[in-house]
Amino acid sequence: MTLRAYFLGMIISTVLCFFSLILIILYVNPETAGLVGAILFFLMLFFFLSGLFALLGFCLKRKFFRRKVEFGQIGTAFRQGVFLSLIFTGMLILQSFGMLFWWSAALFIIGISLLEFYFMSKD
């Protein structure tokens, strides 16, 4: 797979997830949809943010480090994008259940950071 094909696929999937998220926000009533509506919302938000953060992370790495792009950087940017979107989506899920406090947010962020440090040490 070439770098251009990867970017094109990520951009198309991110845009599709964005439009799906907008459609869910506009047409799904959270009071009547129940658990299915909430799961669809959080899932589309997670996929959209994962693609967005992965693309932004890769572009920022490419711009600031100015070295030849390697496919290992693509995997790292995607992993970090998934972890960032997991943090944001997890915070929203905790907020929706009324369980988001400063200490629960800090523990959640520390847990995801430790997971990232584990993967960084394996590279």
PDB file of N, CA and C in Angstrom:
ATOM      1  N   MET A   1       0.846  -1.169   0.000  1.00  0.00           N
ATOM      2  CA  MET A   1       0.000   0.000   0.000  1.00  0.00           C
ATOM      3  C   MET A   1       0.894   1.236   0.000  1.00  0.00           C
ATOM      4  N   THR A   2       0.571   2.158  -0.857  1.00  0.00           N
ATOM      5  CA  THR A   2       1.361   3.379  -0.931  1.00  0.00           C
ATOM      6  C   THR A   2       0.855   4.383   0.096  1.00  0.00           C
ATOM      7  N   LEU A   3       1.646   5.392   0.328  1.00  0.00           N
ATOM      8  CA  LEU A   3       1.273   6.440   1.270  1.00  0.00           C
ATOM      9  C   LEU A   3       0.055   7.206   0.772  1.00  0.00           C
ATOM     10  N   ARG A   4      -0.013   7.431  -0.523  1.00  0.00           N
ATOM     11  CA  ARG A   4      -1.151   8.138  -1.109  1.00  0.00           C
ATOM     12  C   ARG A   4      -2.449   7.341  -0.928  1.00  0.00           C
ATOM     13  N   ALA A   5      -2.382   6.030  -1.117  1.00  0.00           N
ATOM     14  CA  ALA A   5      -3.567   5.184  -0.939  1.00  0.00           C
ATOM     15  C   ALA A   5      -4.011   5.182   0.519  1.00  0.00           C
ATOM     16  N   TYR A   6      -3.054   5.161   1.442  1.00  0.00           N
ATOM     17  CA  TYR A   6      -3.394   5.205   2.865  1.00  0.00           C
ATOM     18  C   TYR A   6      -4.103   6.513   3.204  1.00  0.00           C
ATOM     19  N   PHE A   7      -3.527   7.632   2.753  1.00  0.00           N
ATOM     20  CA  PHE A   7      -4.149   8.925   3.038  1.00  0.00           C
ATOM     21  C   PHE A   7      -5.530   9.037   2.416  1.00  0.00           C
ATOM     22  N   LEU A   8      -5.676   8.587   1.196  1.00  0.00           N
ATOM     23  CA  LEU A   8      -6.974   8.659   0.541  1.00  0.00           C
ATOM     24  C   LEU A   8      -8.007   7.821   1.286  1.00  0.00           C
ATOM     25  N   GLY A   9      -7.636   6.622   1.694  1.00  0.00           N
ATOM     26  CA  GLY A   9      -8.551   5.776   2.453  1.00  0.00           C
ATOM     27  C   GLY A   9      -8.911   6.371   3.799  1.00  0.00           C
ATOM     28  N   MET A  10      -7.915   6.927   4.485  1.00  0.00           N
ATOM     29  CA  MET A  10      -8.185   7.544   5.795  1.00  0.00           C
ATOM     30  C   MET A  10      -9.052   8.781   5.667  1.00  0.00           C
ATOM     31  N   ILE A  11      -8.807   9.584   4.651  1.00  0.00           N
ATOM     32  CA  ILE A  11      -9.613  10.790   4.464  1.00  0.00           C
ATOM     33  C   ILE A  11     -11.047  10.424   4.125  1.00  0.00           C
ATOM     34  N   ILE A  12     -11.227   9.463   3.229  1.00  0.00           N
ATOM     35  CA  ILE A  12     -12.582   9.068   2.842  1.00  0.00           C
ATOM     36  C   ILE A  12     -13.328   8.461   4.034  1.00  0.00           C
ATOM     37  N   SER A  13     -12.673   7.588   4.783  1.00  0.00           N
ATOM     38  CA  SER A  13     -13.348   6.979   5.929  1.00  0.00           C
ATOM     39  C   SER A  13     -13.633   8.001   7.027  1.00  0.00           C
ATOM     40  N   THR A  14     -12.748   8.953   7.228  1.00  0.00           N
ATOM     41  CA  THR A  14     -12.980   9.988   8.238  1.00  0.00           C
ATOM     42  C   THR A  14     -14.143  10.885   7.834  1.00  0.00           C
ATOM     43  N   VAL A  15     -14.209  11.254   6.566  1.00  0.00           N
ATOM     44  CA  VAL A  15     -15.316  12.088   6.087  1.00  0.00           C
ATOM     45  C   VAL A  15     -16.637  11.323   6.184  1.00  0.00           C
ATOM     46  N   LEU A  16     -16.639  10.043   5.836  1.00  0.00           N
ATOM     47  CA  LEU A  16     -17.863   9.243   5.957  1.00  0.00           C
ATOM     48  C   LEU A  16     -18.317   9.124   7.407  1.00  0.00           C
ATOM     49  N   CYS A  17     -17.377   8.942   8.315  1.00  0.00           N
ATOM     50  CA  CYS A  17     -17.726   8.886   9.739  1.00  0.00           C
ATOM     51  C   CYS A  17     -18.236  10.226  10.234  1.00  0.00           C
ATOM     52  N   PHE A  18     -17.679  11.324   9.713  1.00  0.00           N
ATOM     53  CA  PHE A  18     -18.158  12.646  10.100  1.00  0.00           C
ATOM     54  C   PHE A  18     -19.604  12.852   9.648  1.00  0.00           C
ATOM     55  N   PHE A  19     -19.894  12.492   8.404  1.00  0.00           N
ATOM     56  CA  PHE A  19     -21.259  12.655   7.916  1.00  0.00           C
ATOM     57  C   PHE A  19     -22.218  11.712   8.634  1.00  0.00           C
ATOM     58  N   SER A  20     -21.771  10.512   8.982  1.00  0.00           N
ATOM     59  CA  SER A  20     -22.605   9.599   9.760  1.00  0.00           C
ATOM     60  C   SER A  20     -22.889  10.176  11.142  1.00  0.00           C
ATOM     61  N   LEU A  21     -21.889  10.788  11.744  1.00  0.00           N
ATOM     62  CA  LEU A  21     -22.067  11.415  13.048  1.00  0.00           C
ATOM     63  C   LEU A  21     -23.061  12.563  12.962  1.00  0.00           C
ATOM     64  N   ILE A  22     -22.957  13.378  11.920  1.00  0.00           N
ATOM     65  CA  ILE A  22     -23.894  14.488  11.740  1.00  0.00           C
ATOM     66  C   ILE A  22     -25.312  13.960  11.550  1.00  0.00           C
ATOM     67  N   LEU A  23     -25.471  12.899  10.753  1.00  0.00           N
ATOM     68  CA  LEU A  23     -26.795  12.318  10.544  1.00  0.00           C
ATOM     69  C   LEU A  23     -27.360  11.749  11.841  1.00  0.00           C
ATOM     70  N   ILE A  24     -26.525  11.136  12.648  1.00  0.00           N
ATOM     71  CA  ILE A  24     -26.987  10.609  13.936  1.00  0.00           C
ATOM     72  C   ILE A  24     -27.420  11.752  14.846  1.00  0.00           C
ATOM     73  N   ILE A  25     -26.655  12.831  14.863  1.00  0.00           N
ATOM     74  CA  ILE A  25     -27.008  13.979  15.698  1.00  0.00           C
ATOM     75  C   ILE A  25     -28.327  14.593  15.244  1.00  0.00           C
ATOM     76  N   LEU A  26     -28.535  14.683  13.930  1.00  0.00           N
ATOM     77  CA  LEU A  26     -29.733  15.331  13.409  1.00  0.00           C
ATOM     78  C   LEU A  26     -30.986  14.458  13.482  1.00  0.00           C
ATOM     79  N   TYR A  27     -30.849  13.166  13.237  1.00  0.00           N
ATOM     80  CA  TYR A  27     -32.033  12.339  13.048  1.00  0.00           C
ATOM     81  C   TYR A  27     -32.316  11.313  14.136  1.00  0.00           C
ATOM     82  N   VAL A  28     -31.431  11.143  15.081  1.00  0.00           N
ATOM     83  CA  VAL A  28     -31.680  10.168  16.136  1.00  0.00           C
ATOM     84  C   VAL A  28     -32.045  10.921  17.412  1.00  0.00           C
ATOM     85  N   ASN A  29     -33.216  10.616  17.928  1.00  0.00           N
ATOM     86  CA  ASN A  29     -33.673  11.213  19.169  1.00  0.00           C
ATOM     87  C   ASN A  29     -33.124  10.384  20.327  1.00  0.00           C
ATOM     88  N   PRO A  30     -32.278  10.960  21.175  1.00  0.00           N
ATOM     89  CA  PRO A  30     -31.665  10.168  22.241  1.00  0.00           C
ATOM     90  C   PRO A  30     -32.674   9.672  23.280  1.00  0.00           C
ATOM     91  N   GLU A  31     -33.807  10.336  23.400  1.00  0.00           N
ATOM     92  CA  GLU A  31     -34.801   9.896  24.380  1.00  0.00           C
ATOM     93  C   GLU A  31     -35.536   8.644  23.922  1.00  0.00           C
ATOM     94  N   THR A  32     -35.770   8.520  22.606  1.00  0.00           N
ATOM     95  CA  THR A  32     -36.508   7.361  22.105  1.00  0.00           C
ATOM     96  C   THR A  32     -35.591   6.259  21.584  1.00  0.00           C
ATOM     97  N   ALA A  33     -34.389   6.593  21.180  1.00  0.00           N
ATOM     98  CA  ALA A  33     -33.485   5.584  20.621  1.00  0.00           C
ATOM     99  C   ALA A  33     -32.867   4.715  21.704  1.00  0.00           C
ATOM    100  N   GLY A  34     -32.707   5.241  22.878  1.00  0.00           N
ATOM    101  CA  GLY A  34     -32.170   4.464  23.987  1.00  0.00           C
ATOM    102  C   GLY A  34     -30.704   4.117  23.823  1.00  0.00           C
ATOM    103  N   LEU A  35     -30.378   2.889  24.157  1.00  0.00           N
ATOM    104  CA  LEU A  35     -28.998   2.432  24.165  1.00  0.00           C
ATOM    105  C   LEU A  35     -28.409   2.346  22.759  1.00  0.00           C
ATOM    106  N   VAL A  36     -29.214   1.957  21.792  1.00  0.00           N
ATOM    107  CA  VAL A  36     -28.717   1.825  20.414  1.00  0.00           C
ATOM    108  C   VAL A  36     -28.278   3.183  19.870  1.00  0.00           C
ATOM    109  N   GLY A  37     -29.057   4.220  20.107  1.00  0.00           N
ATOM    110  CA  GLY A  37     -28.691   5.561  19.656  1.00  0.00           C
ATOM    111  C   GLY A  37     -27.416   6.055  20.307  1.00  0.00           C
ATOM    112  N   ALA A  38     -27.271   5.802  21.595  1.00  0.00           N
ATOM    113  CA  ALA A  38     -26.063   6.233  22.308  1.00  0.00           C
ATOM    114  C   ALA A  38     -24.841   5.479  21.804  1.00  0.00           C
ATOM    115  N   ILE A  39     -24.981   4.174  21.585  1.00  0.00           N
ATOM    116  CA  ILE A  39     -23.856   3.382  21.088  1.00  0.00           C
ATOM    117  C   ILE A  39     -23.448   3.850  19.700  1.00  0.00           C
ATOM    118  N   LEU A  40     -24.426   4.105  18.822  1.00  0.00           N
ATOM    119  CA  LEU A  40     -24.110   4.601  17.481  1.00  0.00           C
ATOM    120  C   LEU A  40     -23.401   5.949  17.530  1.00  0.00           C
ATOM    121  N   PHE A  41     -23.882   6.831  18.399  1.00  0.00           N
ATOM    122  CA  PHE A  41     -23.262   8.152  18.519  1.00  0.00           C
ATOM    123  C   PHE A  41     -21.811   8.044  18.979  1.00  0.00           C
ATOM    124  N   PHE A  42     -21.585   7.307  20.062  1.00  0.00           N
ATOM    125  CA  PHE A  42     -20.231   7.210  20.599  1.00  0.00           C
ATOM    126  C   PHE A  42     -19.303   6.448  19.653  1.00  0.00           C
ATOM    127  N   LEU A  43     -19.816   5.456  18.953  1.00  0.00           N
ATOM    128  CA  LEU A  43     -19.006   4.697  18.014  1.00  0.00           C
ATOM    129  C   LEU A  43     -18.582   5.559  16.822  1.00  0.00           C
ATOM    130  N   MET A  44     -19.515   6.310  16.256  1.00  0.00           N
ATOM    131  CA  MET A  44     -19.173   7.182  15.118  1.00  0.00           C
ATOM    132  C   MET A  44     -18.248   8.313  15.560  1.00  0.00           C
ATOM    133  N   LEU A  45     -18.464   8.828  16.762  1.00  0.00           N
ATOM    134  CA  LEU A  45     -17.568   9.854  17.281  1.00  0.00           C
ATOM    135  C   LEU A  45     -16.162   9.301  17.455  1.00  0.00           C
ATOM    136  N   PHE A  46     -16.050   8.081  17.979  1.00  0.00           N
ATOM    137  CA  PHE A  46     -14.750   7.447  18.157  1.00  0.00           C
ATOM    138  C   PHE A  46     -14.047   7.242  16.818  1.00  0.00           C
ATOM    139  N   PHE A  47     -14.759   6.721  15.822  1.00  0.00           N
ATOM    140  CA  PHE A  47     -14.145   6.480  14.514  1.00  0.00           C
ATOM    141  C   PHE A  47     -13.739   7.785  13.842  1.00  0.00           C
ATOM    142  N   PHE A  48     -14.588   8.805  13.943  1.00  0.00           N
ATOM    143  CA  PHE A  48     -14.252  10.102  13.341  1.00  0.00           C
ATOM    144  C   PHE A  48     -13.024  10.707  14.000  1.00  0.00           C
ATOM    145  N   LEU A  49     -13.004  10.718  15.324  1.00  0.00           N
ATOM    146  CA  LEU A  49     -11.859  11.304  16.024  1.00  0.00           C
ATOM    147  C   LEU A  49     -10.586  10.492  15.802  1.00  0.00           C
ATOM    148  N   SER A  50     -10.707   9.179  15.701  1.00  0.00           N
ATOM    149  CA  SER A  50      -9.528   8.349  15.435  1.00  0.00           C
ATOM    150  C   SER A  50      -8.901   8.719  14.100  1.00  0.00           C
ATOM    151  N   GLY A  51      -9.724   8.825  13.076  1.00  0.00           N
ATOM    152  CA  GLY A  51      -9.202   9.196  11.760  1.00  0.00           C
ATOM    153  C   GLY A  51      -8.638  10.601  11.744  1.00  0.00           C
ATOM    154  N   LEU A  52      -9.349  11.524  12.375  1.00  0.00           N
ATOM    155  CA  LEU A  52      -8.899  12.918  12.405  1.00  0.00           C
ATOM    156  C   LEU A  52      -7.570  13.052  13.140  1.00  0.00           C
ATOM    157  N   PHE A  53      -7.462  12.461  14.322  1.00  0.00           N
ATOM    158  CA  PHE A  53      -6.228  12.565  15.097  1.00  0.00           C
ATOM    159  C   PHE A  53      -5.074  11.823  14.434  1.00  0.00           C
ATOM    160  N   ALA A  54      -5.359  10.699  13.789  1.00  0.00           N
ATOM    161  CA  ALA A  54      -4.300   9.965  13.099  1.00  0.00           C
ATOM    162  C   ALA A  54      -3.761  10.780  11.929  1.00  0.00           C
ATOM    163  N   LEU A  55      -4.647  11.380  11.159  1.00  0.00           N
ATOM    164  CA  LEU A  55      -4.195  12.207  10.032  1.00  0.00           C
ATOM    165  C   LEU A  55      -3.443  13.447  10.509  1.00  0.00           C
ATOM    166  N   LEU A  56      -3.983  14.111  11.528  1.00  0.00           N
ATOM    167  CA  LEU A  56      -3.304  15.297  12.061  1.00  0.00           C
ATOM    168  C   LEU A  56      -1.952  14.940  12.676  1.00  0.00           C
ATOM    169  N   GLY A  57      -1.892  13.844  13.409  1.00  0.00           N
ATOM    170  CA  GLY A  57      -0.624  13.432  14.021  1.00  0.00           C
ATOM    171  C   GLY A  57       0.428  13.106  12.989  1.00  0.00           C
ATOM    172  N   PHE A  58       0.022  12.409  11.936  1.00  0.00           N
ATOM    173  CA  PHE A  58       0.985  12.061  10.901  1.00  0.00           C
ATOM    174  C   PHE A  58       1.462  13.307  10.161  1.00  0.00           C
ATOM    175  N   CYS A  59       0.543  14.214   9.848  1.00  0.00           N
ATOM    176  CA  CYS A  59       0.938  15.447   9.146  1.00  0.00           C
ATOM    177  C   CYS A  59       1.844  16.314  10.011  1.00  0.00           C
ATOM    178  N   LEU A  60       1.562  16.391  11.312  1.00  0.00           N
ATOM    179  CA  LEU A  60       2.416  17.181  12.199  1.00  0.00           C
ATOM    180  C   LEU A  60       3.802  16.555  12.344  1.00  0.00           C
ATOM    181  N   LYS A  61       3.859  15.225  12.432  1.00  0.00           N
ATOM    182  CA  LYS A  61       5.170  14.568  12.508  1.00  0.00           C
ATOM    183  C   LYS A  61       5.965  14.802  11.234  1.00  0.00           C
ATOM    184  N   ARG A  62       5.291  14.728  10.125  1.00  0.00           N
ATOM    185  CA  ARG A  62       5.966  14.923   8.841  1.00  0.00           C
ATOM    186  C   ARG A  62       6.456  16.353   8.680  1.00  0.00           C
ATOM    187  N   LYS A  63       5.670  17.314   9.185  1.00  0.00           N
ATOM    188  CA  LYS A  63       6.052  18.716   9.039  1.00  0.00           C
ATOM    189  C   LYS A  63       7.184  19.112   9.991  1.00  0.00           C
ATOM    190  N   PHE A  64       7.098  18.676  11.244  1.00  0.00           N
ATOM    191  CA  PHE A  64       8.068  19.130  12.231  1.00  0.00           C
ATOM    192  C   PHE A  64       9.364  18.337  12.212  1.00  0.00           C
ATOM    193  N   PHE A  65       9.339  17.073  11.875  1.00  0.00           N
ATOM    194  CA  PHE A  65      10.558  16.280  11.895  1.00  0.00           C
ATOM    195  C   PHE A  65      11.279  16.276  10.559  1.00  0.00           C
ATOM    196  N   ARG A  66      10.582  16.588   9.485  1.00  0.00           N
ATOM    197  CA  ARG A  66      11.164  16.773   8.148  1.00  0.00           C
ATOM    198  C   ARG A  66      12.132  15.667   7.738  1.00  0.00           C
ATOM    199  N   ARG A  67      11.745  14.466   7.957  1.00  0.00           N
ATOM    200  CA  ARG A  67      12.572  13.356   7.484  1.00  0.00           C
ATOM    201  C   ARG A  67      11.699  12.450   6.627  1.00  0.00           C
ATOM    202  N   LYS A  68      12.330  11.491   6.034  1.00  0.00           N
ATOM    203  CA  LYS A  68      11.593  10.597   5.146  1.00  0.00           C
ATOM    204  C   LYS A  68      10.511   9.868   5.932  1.00  0.00           C
ATOM    205  N   VAL A  69       9.346   9.843   5.352  1.00  0.00           N
ATOM    206  CA  VAL A  69       8.208   9.227   6.011  1.00  0.00           C
ATOM    207  C   VAL A  69       8.342   7.710   5.948  1.00  0.00           C
ATOM    208  N   GLU A  70       8.199   7.076   7.082  1.00  0.00           N
ATOM    209  CA  GLU A  70       8.263   5.633   7.161  1.00  0.00           C
ATOM    210  C   GLU A  70       6.876   5.101   7.532  1.00  0.00           C
ATOM    211  N   PHE A  71       6.632   3.859   7.164  1.00  0.00           N
ATOM    212  CA  PHE A  71       5.342   3.275   7.495  1.00  0.00           C
ATOM    213  C   PHE A  71       5.205   3.009   8.981  1.00  0.00           C
ATOM    214  N   GLY A  72       6.312   2.931   9.716  1.00  0.00           N
ATOM    215  CA  GLY A  72       6.245   2.804  11.164  1.00  0.00           C
ATOM    216  C   GLY A  72       5.647   4.040  11.810  1.00  0.00           C
ATOM    217  N   GLN A  73       5.901   5.193  11.212  1.00  0.00           N
ATOM    218  CA  GLN A  73       5.321   6.431  11.723  1.00  0.00           C
ATOM    219  C   GLN A  73       3.815   6.456  11.501  1.00  0.00           C
ATOM    220  N   ILE A  74       3.361   5.812  10.424  1.00  0.00           N
ATOM    221  CA  ILE A  74       1.927   5.755  10.170  1.00  0.00           C
ATOM    222  C   ILE A  74       1.242   4.949  11.267  1.00  0.00           C
ATOM    223  N   GLY A  75       1.835   3.812  11.618  1.00  0.00           N
ATOM    224  CA  GLY A  75       1.267   2.990  12.682  1.00  0.00           C
ATOM    225  C   GLY A  75       1.270   3.697  14.025  1.00  0.00           C
ATOM    226  N   THR A  76       2.350   4.403  14.309  1.00  0.00           N
ATOM    227  CA  THR A  76       2.439   5.157  15.561  1.00  0.00           C
ATOM    228  C   THR A  76       1.414   6.277  15.598  1.00  0.00           C
ATOM    229  N   ALA A  77       1.262   7.007  14.505  1.00  0.00           N
ATOM    230  CA  ALA A  77       0.285   8.095  14.453  1.00  0.00           C
ATOM    231  C   ALA A  77      -1.131   7.556  14.588  1.00  0.00           C
ATOM    232  N   PHE A  78      -1.401   6.407  13.967  1.00  0.00           N
ATOM    233  CA  PHE A  78      -2.735   5.819  14.074  1.00  0.00           C
ATOM    234  C   PHE A  78      -3.014   5.367  15.506  1.00  0.00           C
ATOM    235  N   ARG A  79      -2.027   4.723  16.142  1.00  0.00           N
ATOM    236  CA  ARG A  79      -2.201   4.272  17.521  1.00  0.00           C
ATOM    237  C   ARG A  79      -2.451   5.454  18.459  1.00  0.00           C
ATOM    238  N   GLN A  80      -1.671   6.520  18.284  1.00  0.00           N
ATOM    239  CA  GLN A  80      -1.850   7.685  19.140  1.00  0.00           C
ATOM    240  C   GLN A  80      -3.181   8.375  18.865  1.00  0.00           C
ATOM    241  N   GLY A  81      -3.624   8.361  17.604  1.00  0.00           N
ATOM    242  CA  GLY A  81      -4.942   8.907  17.278  1.00  0.00           C
ATOM    243  C   GLY A  81      -6.055   8.116  17.928  1.00  0.00           C
ATOM    244  N   VAL A  82      -5.914   6.795  17.944  1.00  0.00           N
ATOM    245  CA  VAL A  82      -6.917   5.950  18.591  1.00  0.00           C
ATOM    246  C   VAL A  82      -6.926   6.205  20.098  1.00  0.00           C
ATOM    247  N   PHE A  83      -5.755   6.342  20.694  1.00  0.00           N
ATOM    248  CA  PHE A  83      -5.706   6.595  22.131  1.00  0.00           C
ATOM    249  C   PHE A  83      -6.294   7.966  22.482  1.00  0.00           C
ATOM    250  N   LEU A  84      -6.006   8.986  21.681  1.00  0.00           N
ATOM    251  CA  LEU A  84      -6.587  10.300  21.940  1.00  0.00           C
ATOM    252  C   LEU A  84      -8.104  10.281  21.795  1.00  0.00           C
ATOM    253  N   SER A  85      -8.583   9.608  20.764  1.00  0.00           N
ATOM    254  CA  SER A  85     -10.033   9.541  20.592  1.00  0.00           C
ATOM    255  C   SER A  85     -10.670   8.700  21.694  1.00  0.00           C
ATOM    256  N   LEU A  86      -9.952   7.696  22.194  1.00  0.00           N
ATOM    257  CA  LEU A  86     -10.446   6.921  23.320  1.00  0.00           C
ATOM    258  C   LEU A  86     -10.567   7.791  24.571  1.00  0.00           C
ATOM    259  N   ILE A  87      -9.616   8.692  24.760  1.00  0.00           N
ATOM    260  CA  ILE A  87      -9.689   9.609  25.903  1.00  0.00           C
ATOM    261  C   ILE A  87     -10.907  10.519  25.780  1.00  0.00           C
ATOM    262  N   PHE A  88     -11.077  11.153  24.615  1.00  0.00           N
ATOM    263  CA  PHE A  88     -12.202  12.074  24.455  1.00  0.00           C
ATOM    264  C   PHE A  88     -13.540  11.348  24.527  1.00  0.00           C
ATOM    265  N   THR A  89     -13.659  10.229  23.858  1.00  0.00           N
ATOM    266  CA  THR A  89     -14.916   9.489  23.879  1.00  0.00           C
ATOM    267  C   THR A  89     -15.181   8.915  25.264  1.00  0.00           C
ATOM    268  N   GLY A  90     -14.146   8.423  25.907  1.00  0.00           N
ATOM    269  CA  GLY A  90     -14.306   7.910  27.264  1.00  0.00           C
ATOM    270  C   GLY A  90     -14.756   8.980  28.243  1.00  0.00           C
ATOM    271  N   MET A  91     -14.212  10.177  28.091  1.00  0.00           N
ATOM    272  CA  MET A  91     -14.641  11.279  28.957  1.00  0.00           C
ATOM    273  C   MET A  91     -16.118  11.611  28.731  1.00  0.00           C
ATOM    274  N   LEU A  92     -16.545  11.597  27.473  1.00  0.00           N
ATOM    275  CA  LEU A  92     -17.961  11.870  27.190  1.00  0.00           C
ATOM    276  C   LEU A  92     -18.872  10.769  27.730  1.00  0.00           C
ATOM    277  N   ILE A  93     -18.425   9.530  27.643  1.00  0.00           N
ATOM    278  CA  ILE A  93     -19.218   8.429  28.193  1.00  0.00           C
ATOM    279  C   ILE A  93     -19.314   8.550  29.711  1.00  0.00           C
ATOM    280  N   LEU A  94     -18.191   8.855  30.349  1.00  0.00           N
ATOM    281  CA  LEU A  94     -18.219   9.062  31.801  1.00  0.00           C
ATOM    282  C   LEU A  94     -19.134  10.224  32.172  1.00  0.00           C
ATOM    283  N   GLN A  95     -19.101  11.296  31.391  1.00  0.00           N
ATOM    284  CA  GLN A  95     -19.971  12.443  31.647  1.00  0.00           C
ATOM    285  C   GLN A  95     -21.441  12.076  31.467  1.00  0.00           C
ATOM    286  N   SER A  96     -21.732  11.247  30.463  1.00  0.00           N
ATOM    287  CA  SER A  96     -23.129  10.874  30.230  1.00  0.00           C
ATOM    288  C   SER A  96     -23.688  10.021  31.370  1.00  0.00           C
ATOM    289  N   PHE A  97     -22.830   9.277  32.070  1.00  0.00           N
ATOM    290  CA  PHE A  97     -23.269   8.502  33.219  1.00  0.00           C
ATOM    291  C   PHE A  97     -23.143   9.272  34.535  1.00  0.00           C
ATOM    292  N   GLY A  98     -22.663  10.515  34.465  1.00  0.00           N
ATOM    293  CA  GLY A  98     -22.500  11.322  35.674  1.00  0.00           C
ATOM    294  C   GLY A  98     -21.335  10.877  36.533  1.00  0.00           C
ATOM    295  N   MET A  99     -20.334  10.254  35.927  1.00  0.00           N
ATOM    296  CA  MET A  99     -19.197   9.735  36.681  1.00  0.00           C
ATOM    297  C   MET A  99     -17.893  10.470  36.385  1.00  0.00           C
ATOM    298  N   LEU A 100     -17.964  11.589  35.698  1.00  0.00           N
ATOM    299  CA  LEU A 100     -16.751  12.318  35.351  1.00  0.00           C
ATOM    300  C   LEU A 100     -16.411  13.317  36.447  1.00  0.00           C
ATOM    301  N   PHE A 101     -15.362  13.005  37.162  1.00  0.00           N
ATOM    302  CA  PHE A 101     -14.810  13.891  38.189  1.00  0.00           C
ATOM    303  C   PHE A 101     -13.347  14.114  37.841  1.00  0.00           C
ATOM    304  N   TRP A 102     -12.702  15.044  38.498  1.00  0.00           N
ATOM    305  CA  TRP A 102     -11.317  15.338  38.136  1.00  0.00           C
ATOM    306  C   TRP A 102     -10.423  14.132  38.391  1.00  0.00           C
ATOM    307  N   TRP A 103     -10.687  13.391  39.445  1.00  0.00           N
ATOM    308  CA  TRP A 103      -9.838  12.253  39.760  1.00  0.00           C
ATOM    309  C   TRP A 103     -10.111  11.074  38.828  1.00  0.00           C
ATOM    310  N   SER A 104     -11.362  10.895  38.397  1.00  0.00           N
ATOM    311  CA  SER A 104     -11.631   9.806  37.453  1.00  0.00           C
ATOM    312  C   SER A 104     -11.051  10.138  36.077  1.00  0.00           C
ATOM    313  N   ALA A 105     -11.107  11.422  35.705  1.00  0.00           N
ATOM    314  CA  ALA A 105     -10.504  11.843  34.439  1.00  0.00           C
ATOM    315  C   ALA A 105      -8.988  11.673  34.485  1.00  0.00           C
ATOM    316  N   ALA A 106      -8.390  12.043  35.603  1.00  0.00           N
ATOM    317  CA  ALA A 106      -6.935  11.900  35.738  1.00  0.00           C
ATOM    318  C   ALA A 106      -6.520  10.432  35.686  1.00  0.00           C
ATOM    319  N   LEU A 107      -7.260   9.564  36.365  1.00  0.00           N
ATOM    320  CA  LEU A 107      -6.939   8.138  36.330  1.00  0.00           C
ATOM    321  C   LEU A 107      -7.116   7.556  34.928  1.00  0.00           C
ATOM    322  N   PHE A 108      -8.134   7.997  34.226  1.00  0.00           N
ATOM    323  CA  PHE A 108      -8.375   7.521  32.868  1.00  0.00           C
ATOM    324  C   PHE A 108      -7.244   7.953  31.934  1.00  0.00           C
ATOM    325  N   ILE A 109      -6.837   9.211  32.035  1.00  0.00           N
ATOM    326  CA  ILE A 109      -5.751   9.727  31.195  1.00  0.00           C
ATOM    327  C   ILE A 109      -4.427   9.038  31.550  1.00  0.00           C
ATOM    328  N   ILE A 110      -4.179   8.818  32.832  1.00  0.00           N
ATOM    329  CA  ILE A 110      -2.957   8.135  33.248  1.00  0.00           C
ATOM    330  C   ILE A 110      -2.943   6.700  32.727  1.00  0.00           C
ATOM    331  N   GLY A 111      -4.083   6.035  32.776  1.00  0.00           N
ATOM    332  CA  GLY A 111      -4.161   4.665  32.269  1.00  0.00           C
ATOM    333  C   GLY A 111      -3.875   4.581  30.776  1.00  0.00           C
ATOM    334  N   ILE A 112      -4.450   5.478  29.994  1.00  0.00           N
ATOM    335  CA  ILE A 112      -4.199   5.498  28.550  1.00  0.00           C
ATOM    336  C   ILE A 112      -2.745   5.886  28.280  1.00  0.00           C
ATOM    337  N   SER A 113      -2.202   6.812  29.066  1.00  0.00           N
ATOM    338  CA  SER A 113      -0.792   7.205  28.890  1.00  0.00           C
ATOM    339  C   SER A 113       0.152   6.047  29.195  1.00  0.00           C
ATOM    340  N   LEU A 114      -0.141   5.282  30.233  1.00  0.00           N
ATOM    341  CA  LEU A 114       0.683   4.117  30.538  1.00  0.00           C
ATOM    342  C   LEU A 114       0.622   3.083  29.417  1.00  0.00           C
ATOM    343  N   LEU A 115      -0.545   2.934  28.820  1.00  0.00           N
ATOM    344  CA  LEU A 115      -0.681   2.028  27.688  1.00  0.00           C
ATOM    345  C   LEU A 115       0.159   2.508  26.506  1.00  0.00           C
ATOM    346  N   GLU A 116       0.157   3.810  26.266  1.00  0.00           N
ATOM    347  CA  GLU A 116       0.981   4.372  25.190  1.00  0.00           C
ATOM    348  C   GLU A 116       2.470   4.207  25.489  1.00  0.00           C
ATOM    349  N   PHE A 117       2.879   4.421  26.736  1.00  0.00           N
ATOM    350  CA  PHE A 117       4.281   4.234  27.100  1.00  0.00           C
ATOM    351  C   PHE A 117       4.713   2.775  26.922  1.00  0.00           C
ATOM    352  N   TYR A 118       3.799   1.853  27.195  1.00  0.00           N
ATOM    353  CA  TYR A 118       4.108   0.438  26.968  1.00  0.00           C
ATOM    354  C   TYR A 118       4.363   0.191  25.481  1.00  0.00           C
ATOM    355  N   PHE A 119       3.502   0.700  24.620  1.00  0.00           N
ATOM    356  CA  PHE A 119       3.688   0.487  23.195  1.00  0.00           C
ATOM    357  C   PHE A 119       4.929   1.230  22.685  1.00  0.00           C
ATOM    358  N   MET A 120       5.241   2.389  23.238  1.00  0.00           N
ATOM    359  CA  MET A 120       6.444   3.115  22.840  1.00  0.00           C
ATOM    360  C   MET A 120       7.702   2.333  23.226  1.00  0.00           C
ATOM    361  N   SER A 121       7.680   1.664  24.359  1.00  0.00           N
ATOM    362  CA  SER A 121       8.847   0.910  24.787  1.00  0.00           C
ATOM    363  C   SER A 121       9.066  -0.338  23.922  1.00  0.00           C
ATOM    364  N   LYS A 122       8.007  -0.848  23.310  1.00  0.00           N
ATOM    365  CA  LYS A 122       8.144  -2.021  22.450  1.00  0.00           C
ATOM    366  C   LYS A 122       8.685  -1.664  21.087  1.00  0.00           C
ATOM    367  N   ASP A 123       8.596  -0.385  20.689  1.00  0.00           N
ATOM    368  CA  ASP A 123       9.089   0.035  19.361  1.00  0.00           C
ATOM    369  C   ASP A 123      10.570   0.175  19.316  1.00  0.00           C
TER     370      ASP A 123
END
